[in-house]
Amino acid sequence: MSATNILFLMTDQHRVDTLGAYGNPRVRTPALDGLAAQGTRFDSFFTPTAICTPARASLATGLHPFRHGMLANPERASGGQCELDESQPLLWRRLRERGYRTGHVGKWHIGRENGPEHHGLDGEHLSGALNPVHHPSYERWLRERSLPPFAVSDPVFGTAPNGTGRGHLIAGRLRQPAEATFEAFLADRTVALLEEYAAEWHRTGRPFMLSCHWFGPHLPYLVPDAYYDLYDPDTVPLPPSMAETFAGKPEVQRSYSAYWSSDAFDAAAWRKLIAVYWGYVTLIDEQIGRILEALRAHGLWDDTAVVFTADHGEFTGAHRLNDKGPAMYDDIYRVPAVCRVPGAPARTSDAFATLIDLNPTLLDIAGLPAPDPCDGSSLLPLVRGDDTPEARAVEDRDEIVAEFHGHHFPYAQRMIRDRRHKLVHNMDGVHELYDLASDPHELRNVYASPLYAEVRRDLAGRLYRELLRRGDPAHSWMGYTADIGRGRAPDVDGVADEIA
């Protein structure tokens, strides 16, 4: 039994600061905190793009979004493709070729029509961005257990910015006990598959990769009373970036704030919404605990790597914004990530890493090389504490580059972030530069400040060269609109310098 099993756990729209392991002293997340205490907790882990489908497609392919082509959620497609290119070396296909069983439970959201079963995984396509609470499988599961159906009371809506009525649903009281929630349903499905895989593992030694992807804590926060009222709003701090004025920033951010009616909620209302979001996090953590307990009960703990992460974060009032969108703040780009590998030491890592790196990491755990092509690097040498060139290469990374193509509307952005500064190049609108040392909440855009001219030019040049290296076509636009000085690539005819 040399191959290592893999249990992969993913949440959706999950802020780093909601976990005890990441410094929150109030939120109860014992399952994930315990996992982090036994594995590697990544403190500088980022999504390649803060939107579900392209982020998840990067995990599946090991490629940057502009390369795999899935640029937005299928419901809001902004010119990209709506299904995975099956000619690419998808993660699960590689694992099955290695002899692994592959299973998927929960949110898929990588293709409009093609779900996990289309790609050869054990599982059912639960489509869409939010809990499909009227899916026949869930309703049948409720009936078989004599559990009450989905119902919500006391809904909390935003206000439509044009004054025509109510806006988005943000939260509500779920009239079901915890054991009837969609989150419990997904945990039940995962535990059932785990039992099946464990039996085959012990009988034949065949390894597996089993994934469970929750739809939460993505809004709307629909949770039972016990979680809706679990945290006292008076103990909930408001995000410091609620002091946002949008002065000197892209106008789209102010518009997006109005779209989500963020200012329609006063401080007390925001504290309650954040408290409910925390309750949702605790509900999911309890379901994760059930799965980890089953893993141990089946005698798999010492033979299974467990990886936890999220596809992106959420604003939850930060920067007077909600959900996610055309603003590349750490609130939605930095995500939690924990990797626990049998035999590897417990540690924390501040190395820059992204979801793209998890593709070759999972393959490396299975004893497979990275796909070709691949834009990530395996994190396994770092997790194991190896003193190897591969581990040092990851630890020595000095920047992260991310991209965004739009969600509710096309909107192109590229971002470079190092330990001190962040530059956001907006293809439409003013650009952004933040000094993360003096302004950790990214409130002051110093892009136009003469004091930061050298920093601006250095970051813009680094971002431009990296986009050019990757083959990201955004480099062409950036070459004409960014303060990068000399060093641009020649134009399409290769005669730009001669004409100049």
Protein backbone atom coordinates (compact mmCIF):
# COMPACT_ATOMS: atom_id res chain seq x y z
CA MET A 1 0.00 0.00 0.00
CA SER A 2 2.52 2.63 -1.14
CA ALA A 3 0.15 5.11 -2.77
CA THR A 4 -1.36 7.79 -0.54
CA ASN A 5 -5.09 8.44 -0.47
CA ILE A 6 -6.30 12.03 -0.80
CA LEU A 7 -9.25 13.72 0.89
CA PHE A 8 -9.83 17.14 -0.61
CA LEU A 9 -12.14 19.62 1.14
CA MET A 10 -13.17 22.95 -0.37
CA THR A 11 -15.47 25.74 0.74
CA ASP A 12 -16.83 28.59 -1.34
CA GLN A 13 -16.34 32.28 -0.65
CA HIS A 14 -14.53 31.73 2.64
CA ARG A 15 -12.65 34.51 4.42
CA VAL A 16 -9.31 33.66 6.04
CA ASP A 17 -10.20 35.62 9.17
CA THR A 18 -13.11 33.34 10.09
CA LEU A 19 -10.89 30.50 11.32
CA GLY A 20 -9.29 30.08 14.72
CA ALA A 21 -6.16 28.72 13.04
CA TYR A 22 -5.81 32.05 11.25
CA GLY A 23 -6.17 34.12 14.39
CA ASN A 24 -9.90 34.56 14.99
CA PRO A 25 -10.40 34.07 18.75
CA ARG A 26 -14.21 33.97 18.59
CA VAL A 27 -15.27 31.65 15.76
CA ARG A 28 -15.48 27.95 16.67
CA THR A 29 -13.70 25.89 14.02
CA PRO A 30 -12.17 22.98 15.95
CA ALA A 31 -12.08 20.56 12.99
CA LEU A 32 -10.13 22.83 10.68
CA ASP A 33 -8.01 24.19 13.54
CA GLY A 34 -7.08 20.64 14.49
CA LEU A 35 -6.21 19.84 10.88
CA ALA A 36 -4.03 22.94 10.66
CA ALA A 37 -2.27 21.97 13.90
CA GLN A 38 -1.20 18.68 12.31
CA GLY A 39 -0.34 19.89 8.83
CA THR A 40 1.05 22.87 6.95
CA ARG A 41 -0.96 26.06 7.28
CA PHE A 42 -0.30 28.40 4.38
CA ASP A 43 -0.51 32.03 5.46
CA SER A 44 0.08 33.61 2.04
CA PHE A 45 -2.18 31.49 -0.11
CA PHE A 46 -4.15 33.11 -2.93
CA THR A 47 -6.70 32.32 -5.57
CA PRO A 48 -5.63 32.99 -9.18
CA THR A 49 -8.95 34.78 -9.69
CA ALA A 50 -11.73 35.59 -7.23
CA ILE A 51 -14.60 33.92 -9.04
CA CYS A 52 -15.80 30.33 -8.71
CA THR A 53 -15.63 28.70 -12.13
CA PRO A 54 -12.25 29.98 -13.37
CA ALA A 55 -10.64 29.36 -9.97
CA ARG A 56 -11.94 25.78 -9.85
CA ALA A 57 -10.92 25.22 -13.47
CA SER A 58 -7.38 26.32 -12.56
CA LEU A 59 -7.37 23.66 -9.84
CA ALA A 60 -8.55 21.06 -12.36
CA THR A 61 -6.04 21.99 -15.08
CA GLY A 62 -3.06 23.57 -13.33
CA LEU A 63 -3.36 26.52 -15.70
CA HIS A 64 -3.94 30.24 -15.41
CA PRO A 65 -7.52 31.22 -16.27
CA PHE A 66 -6.56 33.02 -19.48
CA ARG A 67 -4.97 29.74 -20.61
CA HIS A 68 -7.77 27.31 -19.78
CA GLY A 69 -10.35 29.77 -21.13
CA MET A 70 -13.06 29.52 -18.47
CA LEU A 71 -13.13 33.18 -17.57
CA ALA A 72 -16.39 33.57 -15.64
CA ASN A 73 -19.21 31.58 -14.10
CA PRO A 74 -21.42 29.98 -16.77
CA GLU A 75 -24.44 31.89 -15.44
CA ARG A 76 -22.65 35.16 -16.16
CA ALA A 77 -20.34 34.12 -18.99
CA SER A 78 -18.27 37.09 -20.15
CA GLY A 79 -16.92 35.72 -23.39
CA GLY A 80 -15.10 32.65 -22.09
CA GLN A 81 -15.92 29.02 -22.66
CA CYS A 82 -18.47 27.20 -20.49
CA GLU A 83 -16.95 23.70 -20.35
CA LEU A 84 -13.52 22.29 -19.64
CA ASP A 85 -11.35 21.52 -22.63
CA GLU A 86 -11.12 17.74 -22.36
CA SER A 87 -7.93 17.67 -24.40
CA GLN A 88 -6.18 19.17 -21.36
CA PRO A 89 -4.62 16.75 -18.83
CA LEU A 90 -7.34 17.11 -16.19
CA LEU A 91 -6.41 16.22 -12.62
CA TRP A 92 -8.81 13.31 -12.15
CA ARG A 93 -7.91 11.65 -15.44
CA ARG A 94 -4.26 11.60 -14.42
CA LEU A 95 -5.16 10.08 -11.06
CA ARG A 96 -7.32 7.36 -12.61
CA GLU A 97 -4.48 6.49 -14.96
CA ARG A 98 -2.42 6.00 -11.79
CA GLY A 99 -5.07 3.56 -10.52
CA TYR A 100 -6.95 5.90 -8.19
CA ARG A 101 -10.67 5.88 -7.65
CA THR A 102 -11.95 9.43 -7.90
CA GLY A 103 -15.10 10.77 -6.27
CA HIS A 104 -16.71 14.16 -5.98
CA VAL A 105 -19.49 15.34 -3.66
CA GLY A 106 -21.03 18.79 -3.67
CA LYS A 107 -20.44 21.93 -5.64
CA TRP A 108 -18.94 21.41 -9.08
CA HIS A 109 -19.46 24.70 -10.95
CA ILE A 110 -16.77 24.06 -13.50
CA GLY A 111 -19.08 23.45 -16.45
CA ARG A 112 -22.58 24.43 -17.43
CA GLU A 113 -23.70 20.91 -18.43
CA ASN A 114 -20.78 18.56 -17.80
CA GLY A 115 -20.62 17.50 -14.15
CA PRO A 116 -18.25 15.18 -12.27
CA GLU A 117 -19.79 12.01 -13.69
CA HIS A 118 -19.07 13.30 -17.22
CA HIS A 119 -15.39 13.38 -16.31
CA GLY A 120 -15.42 9.86 -14.85
CA LEU A 121 -15.76 10.70 -11.16
CA ASP A 122 -18.11 8.93 -8.77
CA GLY A 123 -20.67 11.58 -7.96
CA GLU A 124 -23.65 13.59 -9.09
CA HIS A 125 -23.75 16.95 -10.78
CA LEU A 126 -25.17 19.43 -8.29
CA SER A 127 -25.21 22.40 -10.61
CA GLY A 128 -25.25 26.10 -9.91
CA ALA A 129 -23.57 28.59 -7.64
CA LEU A 130 -25.77 28.11 -4.55
CA ASN A 131 -27.14 25.17 -2.55
CA PRO A 132 -29.56 23.36 -4.94
CA VAL A 133 -32.07 22.86 -2.14
CA HIS A 134 -34.77 21.52 -4.46
CA HIS A 135 -32.57 18.91 -6.10
CA PRO A 136 -34.37 15.52 -6.18
CA SER A 137 -31.48 13.76 -4.40
CA TYR A 138 -31.59 16.14 -1.46
CA GLU A 139 -35.35 16.08 -1.16
CA ARG A 140 -35.32 12.27 -1.29
CA TRP A 141 -32.61 12.19 1.42
CA LEU A 142 -34.82 14.38 3.63
CA ARG A 143 -37.87 12.16 3.13
CA GLU A 144 -35.94 8.97 3.88
CA ARG A 145 -34.90 10.44 7.21
CA SER A 146 -38.24 12.11 8.01
CA LEU A 147 -36.50 15.47 8.10
CA PRO A 148 -38.32 18.76 7.42
CA PRO A 149 -38.01 20.30 3.96
CA PHE A 150 -36.11 23.46 3.15
CA ALA A 151 -37.86 26.60 4.39
CA VAL A 152 -36.63 30.06 5.36
CA SER A 153 -38.09 32.79 7.55
CA ASP A 154 -37.01 36.34 8.36
CA PRO A 155 -35.14 36.88 5.08
CA VAL A 156 -32.71 39.79 4.92
CA PHE A 157 -32.63 41.54 1.56
CA GLY A 158 -30.61 44.39 0.25
CA THR A 159 -32.19 47.33 -1.54
CA ALA A 160 -32.15 47.65 -5.31
CA PRO A 161 -29.87 50.58 -6.21
CA ASN A 162 -32.39 51.98 -8.69
CA GLY A 163 -35.08 52.17 -6.03
CA THR A 164 -37.34 49.62 -7.72
CA GLY A 165 -37.58 47.25 -4.78
CA ARG A 166 -35.57 44.71 -2.84
CA GLY A 167 -32.13 43.63 -3.84
CA HIS A 168 -30.18 40.44 -3.23
CA LEU A 169 -31.04 37.95 -0.49
CA ILE A 170 -28.23 38.15 2.07
CA ALA A 171 -29.35 35.97 5.00
CA GLY A 172 -32.30 34.17 6.58
CA ARG A 173 -33.29 31.73 9.30
CA LEU A 174 -33.37 28.16 8.03
CA ARG A 175 -36.36 26.31 9.47
CA GLN A 176 -34.48 23.01 9.66
CA PRO A 177 -32.24 21.41 12.28
CA ALA A 178 -28.54 21.08 11.53
CA GLU A 179 -28.92 17.41 10.60
CA ALA A 180 -31.34 18.38 7.80
CA THR A 181 -29.17 21.06 6.18
CA PHE A 182 -27.68 20.73 2.75
CA GLU A 183 -24.28 20.83 4.45
CA ALA A 184 -25.17 17.69 6.44
CA PHE A 185 -26.44 16.07 3.24
CA LEU A 186 -23.07 16.63 1.56
CA ALA A 187 -21.21 15.27 4.58
CA ASP A 188 -23.44 12.17 4.59
CA ARG A 189 -22.72 11.58 0.91
CA THR A 190 -19.00 11.98 1.49
CA VAL A 191 -18.96 9.61 4.47
CA ALA A 192 -20.85 6.99 2.44
CA LEU A 193 -18.33 7.15 -0.42
CA LEU A 194 -15.49 7.12 2.09
CA GLU A 195 -16.83 3.88 3.58
CA GLU A 196 -16.94 2.31 0.11
CA TYR A 197 -13.44 3.50 -0.76
CA ALA A 198 -12.06 2.39 2.61
CA ALA A 199 -13.35 -1.13 2.11
CA GLU A 200 -11.68 -1.36 -1.29
CA TRP A 201 -8.46 0.17 0.06
CA HIS A 202 -8.22 -2.37 2.86
CA ARG A 203 -9.19 -5.24 0.54
CA THR A 204 -7.06 -4.45 -2.52
CA GLY A 205 -4.87 -1.46 -1.69
CA ARG A 206 -6.49 0.66 -4.39
CA PRO A 207 -6.03 4.34 -3.47
CA PHE A 208 -8.60 7.09 -3.88
CA MET A 209 -9.07 10.81 -4.12
CA LEU A 210 -12.37 11.93 -2.65
CA SER A 211 -13.48 15.57 -2.77
CA CYS A 212 -16.22 17.33 -0.85
CA HIS A 213 -17.02 20.86 -1.97
CA TRP A 214 -19.50 22.91 0.05
CA PHE A 215 -21.58 25.67 -1.49
CA GLY A 216 -21.07 27.80 1.63
CA PRO A 217 -20.29 29.96 3.44
CA HIS A 218 -21.18 31.78 0.22
CA LEU A 219 -24.09 34.16 0.73
CA PRO A 220 -27.01 34.02 1.29
CA TYR A 221 -26.34 32.82 4.81
CA LEU A 222 -29.29 30.49 5.39
CA VAL A 223 -28.63 28.62 8.63
CA PRO A 224 -30.67 27.18 11.53
CA ASP A 225 -31.41 29.36 14.54
CA ALA A 226 -28.68 27.67 16.58
CA TYR A 227 -26.08 29.03 14.12
CA TYR A 228 -27.91 32.22 13.20
CA ASP A 229 -27.71 33.30 16.84
CA LEU A 230 -24.50 31.48 17.80
CA TYR A 231 -22.35 34.62 17.98
CA ASP A 232 -23.22 37.81 19.81
CA PRO A 233 -23.13 40.66 17.28
CA ASP A 234 -21.83 42.99 19.98
CA THR A 235 -18.59 40.97 20.03
CA VAL A 236 -18.12 41.13 16.26
CA PRO A 237 -15.63 43.75 15.06
CA LEU A 238 -16.44 45.60 11.86
CA PRO A 239 -13.82 45.38 9.09
CA PRO A 240 -11.52 48.42 9.32
CA SER A 241 -11.93 48.88 5.56
CA MET A 242 -15.58 49.82 6.08
CA ALA A 243 -14.00 53.28 6.31
CA GLU A 244 -13.70 53.08 2.51
CA THR A 245 -14.53 56.32 0.66
CA PHE A 246 -13.64 55.15 -2.89
CA ALA A 247 -11.66 58.38 -3.28
CA GLY A 248 -9.10 57.98 -6.04
CA LYS A 249 -10.31 54.49 -6.86
CA PRO A 250 -12.05 52.95 -9.89
CA GLU A 251 -15.63 54.14 -10.12
CA VAL A 252 -16.76 50.55 -10.64
CA GLN A 253 -16.17 49.89 -6.94
CA ARG A 254 -18.63 52.58 -5.89
CA SER A 255 -21.13 51.21 -8.41
CA TYR A 256 -20.65 47.68 -7.13
CA SER A 257 -21.21 48.87 -3.58
CA ALA A 258 -24.54 50.35 -4.69
CA TYR A 259 -25.40 47.18 -6.60
CA TRP A 260 -25.05 45.18 -3.38
CA SER A 261 -26.71 47.97 -1.32
CA SER A 262 -23.89 47.70 1.18
CA ASP A 263 -24.71 51.09 2.69
CA ALA A 264 -28.31 50.04 3.30
CA PHE A 265 -27.14 48.22 6.44
CA ASP A 266 -26.03 50.16 9.48
CA ALA A 267 -23.23 49.08 11.82
CA ALA A 268 -25.51 46.94 13.99
CA ALA A 269 -26.98 45.19 10.95
CA TRP A 270 -23.53 44.50 9.54
CA ARG A 271 -22.36 43.04 12.84
CA LYS A 272 -25.33 40.69 12.80
CA LEU A 273 -24.70 39.65 9.18
CA ILE A 274 -21.05 38.95 9.95
CA ALA A 275 -22.10 36.98 13.05
CA VAL A 276 -24.43 34.88 10.89
CA TYR A 277 -21.61 34.34 8.37
CA TRP A 278 -19.47 33.08 11.25
CA GLY A 279 -22.29 30.75 12.25
CA TYR A 280 -22.32 29.35 8.73
CA VAL A 281 -18.57 28.73 8.98
CA THR A 282 -19.08 26.81 12.24
CA LEU A 283 -21.86 24.72 10.71
CA ILE A 284 -19.55 23.65 7.87
CA ASP A 285 -16.66 23.02 10.26
CA GLU A 286 -18.85 20.59 12.20
CA GLN A 287 -19.59 18.68 8.98
CA ILE A 288 -15.89 18.60 8.16
CA GLY A 289 -15.35 17.17 11.63
CA ARG A 290 -17.77 14.33 10.85
CA ILE A 291 -15.82 13.46 7.70
CA LEU A 292 -12.45 13.55 9.46
CA GLU A 293 -13.86 11.38 12.23
CA ALA A 294 -15.03 8.85 9.62
CA LEU A 295 -11.58 8.89 8.05
CA ARG A 296 -10.07 7.90 11.38
CA ALA A 297 -12.80 5.36 12.15
CA HIS A 298 -12.06 3.55 8.89
CA GLY A 299 -8.36 3.30 9.74
CA LEU A 300 -7.31 5.67 6.96
CA TRP A 301 -5.75 8.56 8.87
CA ASP A 302 -2.16 7.36 8.52
CA ASP A 303 -2.58 6.64 4.80
CA THR A 304 -4.50 9.71 3.64
CA ALA A 305 -3.42 13.24 2.83
CA VAL A 306 -6.04 15.85 3.72
CA VAL A 307 -6.12 19.17 1.89
CA PHE A 308 -8.46 22.03 2.70
CA THR A 309 -8.90 25.33 0.89
CA ALA A 310 -11.47 27.71 -0.62
CA ASP A 311 -12.00 28.94 -4.15
CA HIS A 312 -11.93 32.62 -3.07
CA GLY A 313 -12.89 34.90 -0.21
CA GLU A 314 -15.77 37.28 0.44
CA PHE A 315 -16.12 40.98 1.26
CA THR A 316 -18.89 40.75 3.89
CA GLY A 317 -18.93 44.53 4.21
CA ALA A 318 -15.19 45.09 3.80
CA HIS A 319 -14.56 48.11 1.57
CA ARG A 320 -18.33 48.73 1.71
CA LEU A 321 -18.67 45.78 -0.67
CA ASN A 322 -20.33 42.39 -0.58
CA ASP A 323 -19.92 39.07 -2.38
CA LYS A 324 -16.86 39.36 -4.67
CA GLY A 325 -16.27 41.35 -7.83
CA PRO A 326 -14.10 43.84 -9.72
CA ALA A 327 -11.79 44.79 -6.84
CA MET A 328 -8.60 42.84 -6.14
CA TYR A 329 -8.41 43.26 -2.38
CA ASP A 330 -6.92 40.58 -0.12
CA ASP A 331 -10.42 40.05 1.36
CA ILE A 332 -11.32 37.98 -1.70
CA TYR A 333 -7.91 36.96 -3.10
CA ARG A 334 -6.25 35.55 0.01
CA VAL A 335 -7.78 32.23 1.07
CA PRO A 336 -7.17 29.60 3.76
CA ALA A 337 -5.18 26.51 2.82
CA VAL A 338 -4.05 23.54 4.91
CA CYS A 339 -2.21 20.47 3.69
CA ARG A 340 -1.74 17.54 6.05
CA VAL A 341 0.38 14.70 4.64
CA PRO A 342 1.10 11.55 6.69
CA GLY A 343 4.60 11.71 8.10
CA ALA A 344 5.13 15.40 7.32
CA PRO A 345 5.83 17.79 10.21
CA ALA A 346 3.32 20.32 11.49
CA ARG A 347 4.33 23.81 10.43
CA THR A 348 3.23 27.14 9.06
CA SER A 349 4.45 28.57 5.78
CA ASP A 350 4.45 32.15 4.58
CA ALA A 351 5.44 31.11 1.05
CA PHE A 352 3.38 32.62 -1.75
CA ALA A 353 1.21 29.88 -3.27
CA THR A 354 -2.06 29.57 -5.18
CA LEU A 355 -4.79 27.11 -6.09
CA ILE A 356 -2.88 26.41 -9.30
CA ASP A 357 -0.09 24.89 -7.22
CA LEU A 358 -2.51 22.39 -5.71
CA ASN A 359 -2.90 20.62 -9.05
CA PRO A 360 0.75 19.43 -9.24
CA THR A 361 0.77 19.01 -5.44
CA LEU A 362 -2.07 16.50 -5.50
CA LEU A 363 -0.44 14.68 -8.39
CA ASP A 364 2.88 14.65 -6.52
CA ILE A 365 1.17 13.10 -3.48
CA ALA A 366 -0.02 10.37 -5.85
CA GLY A 367 3.49 9.88 -7.20
CA LEU A 368 2.79 11.58 -10.52
CA PRO A 369 4.71 14.37 -12.28
CA ALA A 370 3.16 17.74 -12.98
CA PRO A 371 1.10 17.91 -16.17
CA ASP A 372 2.49 19.44 -19.33
CA PRO A 373 1.71 22.28 -19.59
CA CYS A 374 1.40 23.39 -15.96
CA ASP A 375 1.59 26.87 -14.46
CA GLY A 376 2.02 25.73 -10.85
CA SER A 377 4.61 23.98 -8.73
CA SER A 378 4.18 21.15 -6.27
CA LEU A 379 4.05 22.26 -2.66
CA LEU A 380 4.75 18.75 -1.37
CA PRO A 381 8.53 19.26 -0.88
CA LEU A 382 7.76 22.33 1.22
CA VAL A 383 5.06 20.49 3.20
CA ARG A 384 7.49 17.68 3.95
CA GLY A 385 10.14 20.14 5.07
CA ASP A 386 12.58 18.96 2.41
CA ASP A 387 15.69 21.04 1.85
CA THR A 388 15.54 20.70 -1.91
CA PRO A 389 15.74 23.15 -4.83
CA GLU A 390 12.01 22.58 -5.43
CA ALA A 391 11.10 23.51 -1.86
CA ARG A 392 13.42 26.52 -1.87
CA ALA A 393 12.01 27.72 -5.19
CA VAL A 394 8.54 27.95 -3.67
CA GLU A 395 9.79 29.50 -0.43
CA ASP A 396 11.76 32.11 -2.39
CA ARG A 397 8.81 33.38 -4.42
CA ASP A 398 8.62 37.13 -3.99
CA GLU A 399 5.33 37.93 -5.73
CA ILE A 400 1.88 36.74 -6.72
CA VAL A 401 0.17 37.63 -9.99
CA ALA A 402 -3.60 37.24 -10.36
CA GLU A 403 -6.19 38.01 -13.02
CA PHE A 404 -9.87 38.85 -13.31
CA HIS A 405 -12.07 38.90 -16.41
CA GLY A 406 -15.47 39.90 -15.05
CA HIS A 407 -18.52 38.41 -13.41
CA HIS A 408 -21.76 40.32 -13.78
CA PHE A 409 -20.11 42.18 -16.66
CA PRO A 410 -16.76 41.97 -18.48
CA TYR A 411 -14.05 43.77 -16.52
CA ALA A 412 -10.38 43.01 -17.01
CA GLN A 413 -7.84 43.36 -14.19
CA ARG A 414 -4.34 42.12 -13.47
CA MET A 415 -2.62 42.30 -10.10
CA ILE A 416 0.90 41.88 -8.78
CA ARG A 417 1.44 41.65 -5.03
CA ASP A 418 4.67 41.28 -3.12
CA ARG A 419 5.36 41.45 0.62
CA ARG A 420 5.14 45.24 0.75
CA HIS A 421 3.06 46.53 -2.16
CA LYS A 422 0.18 45.66 -4.45
CA LEU A 423 -0.38 47.05 -7.94
CA VAL A 424 -3.72 46.54 -9.72
CA HIS A 425 -3.83 47.33 -13.43
CA ASN A 426 -7.41 48.06 -14.44
CA MET A 427 -7.97 47.89 -18.18
CA ASP A 428 -10.80 50.40 -17.73
CA GLY A 429 -10.41 53.06 -15.06
CA VAL A 430 -7.69 54.30 -12.75
CA HIS A 431 -4.99 51.92 -11.61
CA GLU A 432 -4.32 51.10 -7.95
CA LEU A 433 -1.21 50.92 -5.79
CA TYR A 434 -1.27 50.06 -2.09
CA ASP A 435 1.49 50.15 0.50
CA LEU A 436 0.54 47.11 2.57
CA ALA A 437 2.96 48.00 5.36
CA SER A 438 1.49 51.43 6.13
CA ASP A 439 -1.99 50.66 4.78
CA PRO A 440 -2.75 46.94 5.40
CA HIS A 441 -6.47 47.44 4.72
CA GLU A 442 -5.85 48.90 1.25
CA LEU A 443 -7.74 52.15 1.82
CA ARG A 444 -5.33 54.64 0.20
CA ASN A 445 -4.58 54.38 -3.49
CA VAL A 446 -1.13 55.92 -3.88
CA TYR A 447 -0.74 55.13 -7.59
CA ALA A 448 -0.59 58.81 -8.56
CA SER A 449 1.63 59.85 -5.66
CA PRO A 450 5.08 61.13 -6.75
CA LEU A 451 6.51 59.53 -3.61
CA TYR A 452 5.63 56.10 -5.03
CA ALA A 453 6.67 56.73 -8.64
CA GLU A 454 9.68 54.41 -8.41
CA VAL A 455 7.63 51.66 -6.72
CA ARG A 456 4.86 52.07 -9.29
CA ARG A 457 7.25 51.81 -12.21
CA ASP A 458 9.04 48.80 -10.72
CA LEU A 459 5.83 46.87 -10.05
CA ALA A 460 4.30 47.79 -13.39
CA GLY A 461 7.41 46.61 -15.19
CA ARG A 462 7.48 43.36 -13.25
CA LEU A 463 3.80 42.74 -13.93
CA TYR A 464 4.21 43.54 -17.62
CA ARG A 465 7.17 41.22 -18.01
CA GLU A 466 5.37 38.40 -16.19
CA LEU A 467 2.27 38.76 -18.37
CA LEU A 468 4.51 38.76 -21.43
CA ARG A 469 6.30 35.64 -20.17
CA ARG A 470 3.00 33.86 -19.57
CA GLY A 471 1.60 34.82 -22.94
CA ASP A 472 -1.28 36.70 -21.31
CA PRO A 473 -2.61 39.00 -24.06
CA ALA A 474 -3.26 41.66 -21.39
CA HIS A 475 0.41 42.58 -21.67
CA SER A 476 -0.28 44.30 -25.00
CA TRP A 477 -2.83 46.70 -23.52
CA MET A 478 -0.70 47.23 -20.45
CA GLY A 479 2.29 48.12 -22.61
CA TYR A 480 0.48 51.21 -23.83
CA THR A 481 -1.36 52.24 -20.67
CA ALA A 482 1.00 51.56 -17.75
CA ASP A 483 3.98 53.44 -16.39
CA ILE A 484 6.61 50.85 -17.25
CA GLY A 485 9.26 53.00 -18.92
CA ARG A 486 11.47 51.27 -21.46
CA GLY A 487 11.49 47.55 -22.07
CA ARG A 488 8.19 47.08 -23.90
CA ALA A 489 7.89 44.25 -26.36
CA PRO A 490 7.90 45.30 -30.03
CA ASP A 491 4.58 45.68 -31.79
CA VAL A 492 3.11 42.97 -33.98
CA ASP A 493 5.31 43.95 -36.90
CA GLY A 494 8.44 44.11 -34.79
CA VAL A 495 9.33 47.59 -36.07
CA ALA A 496 8.08 49.82 -33.25
CA ASP A 497 11.59 50.97 -32.29
CA GLU A 498 12.54 51.74 -35.90
CA ILE A 499 9.47 53.95 -36.38
CA ALA A 500 10.05 55.67 -33.04
